[in-house]
N, C-alpha and C. Protein backbone atom coordinates (compact mmCIF):
# COMPACT_ATOMS: atom_id res chain seq x y z
N MET A 1 -48.74 -25.76 -38.56
CA MET A 1 -49.50 -24.87 -37.66
C MET A 1 -50.31 -25.79 -36.71
N ASN A 2 -50.35 -25.40 -35.46
CA ASN A 2 -51.14 -26.13 -34.49
C ASN A 2 -52.60 -25.87 -34.75
N THR A 3 -53.42 -26.94 -34.95
CA THR A 3 -54.76 -26.79 -35.23
C THR A 3 -55.54 -26.10 -34.04
N TYR A 4 -55.19 -26.43 -32.81
CA TYR A 4 -55.84 -25.78 -31.72
C TYR A 4 -55.60 -24.25 -31.74
N ILE A 5 -54.40 -23.86 -32.05
CA ILE A 5 -54.12 -22.44 -32.08
C ILE A 5 -54.93 -21.80 -33.20
N ASN A 6 -54.97 -22.47 -34.37
CA ASN A 6 -55.73 -21.92 -35.44
C ASN A 6 -57.23 -21.72 -35.08
N ILE A 7 -57.87 -22.77 -34.50
CA ILE A 7 -59.25 -22.68 -34.15
C ILE A 7 -59.45 -21.60 -33.07
N SER A 8 -58.57 -21.58 -32.10
CA SER A 8 -58.62 -20.58 -31.03
C SER A 8 -58.49 -19.15 -31.66
N LEU A 9 -57.56 -18.97 -32.52
CA LEU A 9 -57.35 -17.71 -33.18
C LEU A 9 -58.53 -17.23 -33.92
N ILE A 10 -59.09 -18.15 -34.75
CA ILE A 10 -60.33 -17.81 -35.52
C ILE A 10 -61.48 -17.51 -34.60
N ASN A 11 -61.59 -18.20 -33.50
CA ASN A 11 -62.67 -17.89 -32.56
C ASN A 11 -62.53 -16.52 -31.96
N MET A 12 -61.30 -16.07 -31.64
CA MET A 12 -61.06 -14.71 -31.20
C MET A 12 -61.39 -13.72 -32.24
N ILE A 13 -60.99 -13.95 -33.46
CA ILE A 13 -61.30 -12.99 -34.58
C ILE A 13 -62.82 -12.89 -34.76
N VAL A 14 -63.50 -14.02 -34.73
CA VAL A 14 -64.91 -13.93 -34.94
C VAL A 14 -65.59 -13.20 -33.79
N ARG A 15 -65.10 -13.41 -32.58
CA ARG A 15 -65.67 -12.61 -31.43
C ARG A 15 -65.50 -11.15 -31.67
N LEU A 16 -64.31 -10.76 -32.15
CA LEU A 16 -64.05 -9.33 -32.40
C LEU A 16 -65.07 -8.76 -33.47
N ILE A 17 -65.23 -9.55 -34.49
CA ILE A 17 -66.18 -9.15 -35.55
C ILE A 17 -67.59 -9.02 -35.00
N VAL A 18 -68.03 -9.88 -34.16
CA VAL A 18 -69.33 -9.81 -33.49
C VAL A 18 -69.45 -8.55 -32.67
N GLU A 19 -68.46 -8.28 -31.85
CA GLU A 19 -68.41 -7.13 -30.93
C GLU A 19 -68.36 -5.81 -31.74
N LYS A 20 -67.45 -5.74 -32.69
CA LYS A 20 -67.18 -4.43 -33.37
C LYS A 20 -68.11 -4.12 -34.52
N LYS A 21 -68.61 -5.19 -35.15
CA LYS A 21 -69.49 -4.92 -36.31
C LYS A 21 -70.95 -5.28 -36.07
N SER A 22 -71.28 -5.63 -34.81
CA SER A 22 -72.69 -5.92 -34.42
C SER A 22 -73.34 -7.01 -35.37
N LEU A 23 -72.54 -7.93 -35.73
CA LEU A 23 -73.08 -9.07 -36.52
C LEU A 23 -73.40 -10.19 -35.55
N ASP A 24 -74.33 -11.04 -35.90
CA ASP A 24 -74.49 -12.24 -35.06
C ASP A 24 -73.38 -13.22 -35.40
N GLU A 25 -73.26 -14.22 -34.62
CA GLU A 25 -72.11 -15.12 -34.82
C GLU A 25 -72.08 -15.77 -36.14
N GLN A 26 -73.18 -16.25 -36.66
CA GLN A 26 -73.22 -16.88 -37.94
C GLN A 26 -72.80 -15.93 -39.01
N GLU A 27 -73.27 -14.72 -38.99
CA GLU A 27 -72.92 -13.71 -39.99
C GLU A 27 -71.41 -13.45 -39.90
N ALA A 28 -70.87 -13.33 -38.69
CA ALA A 28 -69.45 -13.06 -38.50
C ALA A 28 -68.59 -14.19 -38.99
N ILE A 29 -68.98 -15.46 -38.77
CA ILE A 29 -68.27 -16.58 -39.28
C ILE A 29 -68.28 -16.60 -40.82
N PHE A 30 -69.41 -16.39 -41.39
CA PHE A 30 -69.58 -16.31 -42.82
C PHE A 30 -68.69 -15.18 -43.45
N ALA A 31 -68.76 -13.97 -42.82
CA ALA A 31 -67.99 -12.86 -43.28
C ALA A 31 -66.50 -13.12 -43.23
N PHE A 32 -66.07 -13.79 -42.15
CA PHE A 32 -64.62 -14.08 -42.02
C PHE A 32 -64.16 -15.14 -43.02
N TYR A 33 -64.90 -16.26 -43.08
CA TYR A 33 -64.47 -17.39 -43.90
C TYR A 33 -64.55 -17.04 -45.37
N ASN A 34 -65.29 -16.01 -45.73
CA ASN A 34 -65.45 -15.67 -47.12
C ASN A 34 -64.57 -14.51 -47.52
N SER A 35 -63.56 -14.25 -46.69
CA SER A 35 -62.63 -13.13 -46.91
C SER A 35 -61.28 -13.65 -47.42
N LYS A 36 -60.58 -12.79 -48.13
CA LYS A 36 -59.23 -13.10 -48.59
C LYS A 36 -58.25 -13.27 -47.42
N ILE A 37 -58.51 -12.56 -46.36
CA ILE A 37 -57.61 -12.63 -45.23
C ILE A 37 -57.71 -14.02 -44.55
N ALA A 38 -58.87 -14.63 -44.57
CA ALA A 38 -59.03 -15.99 -44.05
C ALA A 38 -58.30 -16.97 -45.00
N GLU A 39 -58.36 -16.75 -46.25
CA GLU A 39 -57.58 -17.55 -47.21
C GLU A 39 -56.09 -17.44 -46.93
N LYS A 40 -55.68 -16.21 -46.68
CA LYS A 40 -54.22 -16.01 -46.41
C LYS A 40 -53.84 -16.66 -45.00
N LEU A 41 -54.71 -16.57 -44.05
CA LEU A 41 -54.48 -17.19 -42.72
C LEU A 41 -54.34 -18.66 -42.88
N ALA A 42 -55.00 -19.32 -43.80
CA ALA A 42 -54.92 -20.79 -43.98
C ALA A 42 -53.60 -21.19 -44.61
N ASP A 43 -52.87 -20.23 -45.23
CA ASP A 43 -51.61 -20.53 -45.87
C ASP A 43 -50.51 -20.53 -44.76
N LYS A 44 -50.11 -21.72 -44.29
CA LYS A 44 -49.11 -21.83 -43.23
C LYS A 44 -47.74 -21.24 -43.61
N ASN A 45 -47.44 -21.09 -44.87
CA ASN A 45 -46.18 -20.49 -45.26
C ASN A 45 -46.14 -19.01 -45.04
N LEU A 46 -47.27 -18.34 -44.98
CA LEU A 46 -47.28 -16.91 -44.74
C LEU A 46 -47.02 -16.56 -43.30
N GLY A 47 -47.49 -17.50 -42.42
CA GLY A 47 -47.29 -17.25 -40.98
C GLY A 47 -48.19 -16.24 -40.35
N LEU A 48 -49.33 -15.93 -40.98
CA LEU A 48 -50.22 -14.99 -40.38
C LEU A 48 -50.84 -15.43 -39.03
N TYR A 49 -50.88 -16.82 -38.80
CA TYR A 49 -51.35 -17.33 -37.61
C TYR A 49 -50.51 -16.94 -36.43
N LEU A 50 -49.33 -16.37 -36.67
CA LEU A 50 -48.47 -15.92 -35.56
C LEU A 50 -48.81 -14.51 -35.10
N LEU A 51 -49.67 -13.82 -35.86
CA LEU A 51 -50.05 -12.48 -35.48
C LEU A 51 -51.13 -12.40 -34.43
N SER A 52 -51.28 -11.25 -33.88
CA SER A 52 -52.32 -11.05 -32.94
C SER A 52 -53.68 -11.12 -33.58
N PRO A 53 -54.66 -11.64 -32.88
CA PRO A 53 -56.06 -11.65 -33.50
C PRO A 53 -56.54 -10.25 -33.77
N TYR A 54 -56.06 -9.26 -32.98
CA TYR A 54 -56.52 -7.87 -33.19
C TYR A 54 -55.94 -7.34 -34.51
N LEU A 55 -54.72 -7.67 -34.86
CA LEU A 55 -54.11 -7.27 -36.16
C LEU A 55 -54.80 -7.92 -37.25
N ILE A 56 -55.08 -9.24 -37.13
CA ILE A 56 -55.77 -9.96 -38.19
C ILE A 56 -57.16 -9.36 -38.38
N TYR A 57 -57.84 -9.00 -37.27
CA TYR A 57 -59.20 -8.41 -37.36
C TYR A 57 -59.04 -7.09 -38.16
N GLU A 58 -58.02 -6.28 -37.90
CA GLU A 58 -57.89 -5.00 -38.55
C GLU A 58 -57.63 -5.19 -40.07
N LEU A 59 -56.91 -6.21 -40.40
CA LEU A 59 -56.72 -6.54 -41.86
C LEU A 59 -58.09 -6.99 -42.48
N TRP A 60 -58.79 -7.82 -41.73
CA TRP A 60 -60.12 -8.29 -42.19
C TRP A 60 -61.04 -7.09 -42.31
N ASN A 61 -61.03 -6.19 -41.36
CA ASN A 61 -61.88 -5.02 -41.36
C ASN A 61 -61.65 -4.13 -42.54
N ALA A 62 -60.37 -3.93 -42.90
CA ALA A 62 -60.05 -3.10 -44.09
C ALA A 62 -60.68 -3.79 -45.36
N GLU A 63 -60.56 -5.10 -45.37
CA GLU A 63 -61.15 -5.84 -46.54
C GLU A 63 -62.60 -5.71 -46.50
N TYR A 64 -63.22 -5.82 -45.36
CA TYR A 64 -64.72 -5.73 -45.19
C TYR A 64 -65.26 -4.35 -45.68
N GLN A 65 -64.47 -3.34 -45.32
CA GLN A 65 -64.92 -1.95 -45.65
C GLN A 65 -64.56 -1.53 -47.06
N THR A 66 -63.38 -1.98 -47.51
CA THR A 66 -62.92 -1.46 -48.85
C THR A 66 -62.84 -2.51 -49.94
N GLY A 67 -62.89 -3.76 -49.52
CA GLY A 67 -62.78 -4.88 -50.48
C GLY A 67 -61.33 -5.25 -50.69
N ASP A 68 -60.45 -4.66 -49.96
CA ASP A 68 -59.00 -4.94 -50.13
C ASP A 68 -58.26 -4.86 -48.81
N PHE A 69 -57.81 -5.96 -48.25
CA PHE A 69 -57.15 -5.88 -46.89
C PHE A 69 -55.82 -5.08 -46.95
N ARG A 70 -55.32 -4.88 -48.11
CA ARG A 70 -54.08 -4.14 -48.28
C ARG A 70 -54.30 -2.59 -47.98
N GLN A 71 -55.55 -2.24 -47.80
CA GLN A 71 -55.90 -0.83 -47.49
C GLN A 71 -55.68 -0.57 -46.00
N SER A 72 -55.43 -1.64 -45.23
CA SER A 72 -55.19 -1.48 -43.78
C SER A 72 -53.87 -0.75 -43.53
N PRO A 73 -53.84 0.16 -42.56
CA PRO A 73 -52.58 0.84 -42.28
C PRO A 73 -51.57 -0.17 -41.71
N TYR A 74 -52.02 -1.35 -41.27
CA TYR A 74 -51.14 -2.32 -40.70
C TYR A 74 -50.58 -3.33 -41.79
N PHE A 75 -50.98 -3.18 -43.01
CA PHE A 75 -50.59 -4.15 -44.00
C PHE A 75 -49.14 -3.99 -44.38
N GLU A 76 -48.64 -2.82 -44.41
CA GLU A 76 -47.25 -2.51 -44.92
C GLU A 76 -46.27 -3.49 -44.37
N GLY A 77 -45.62 -4.28 -45.15
CA GLY A 77 -44.59 -5.15 -44.75
C GLY A 77 -45.00 -6.55 -44.25
N LEU A 78 -46.30 -6.78 -44.17
CA LEU A 78 -46.72 -8.08 -43.62
C LEU A 78 -46.64 -9.20 -44.68
N LEU A 79 -47.08 -9.00 -45.85
CA LEU A 79 -47.16 -10.03 -46.88
C LEU A 79 -46.27 -9.73 -48.04
C-alpha cells in the first residue's frame, strides 16, 4: 500500500468525522485510530484502502454508533 495514499485517505476520513460528528480534530483522530475499522484498514491484505473514504467513514460510523462496523448497510460482502 502506498503510504501517501494511506495518510491521505485517513486525513479525508478524519475530516468527515470532524464535519459529521462535530468532534474536534484530536477527538476525531483518537476515535478513528481506536476503532476496529482502522485496524482493518491497516491490513493491506484486506484492501480496504482501495475503498472510498465515504464508505470507510460509513463503516466507522456504524461501529461508533453500535460498537460493530458490521451493522453498516454497506458491510455486506466487503470483508
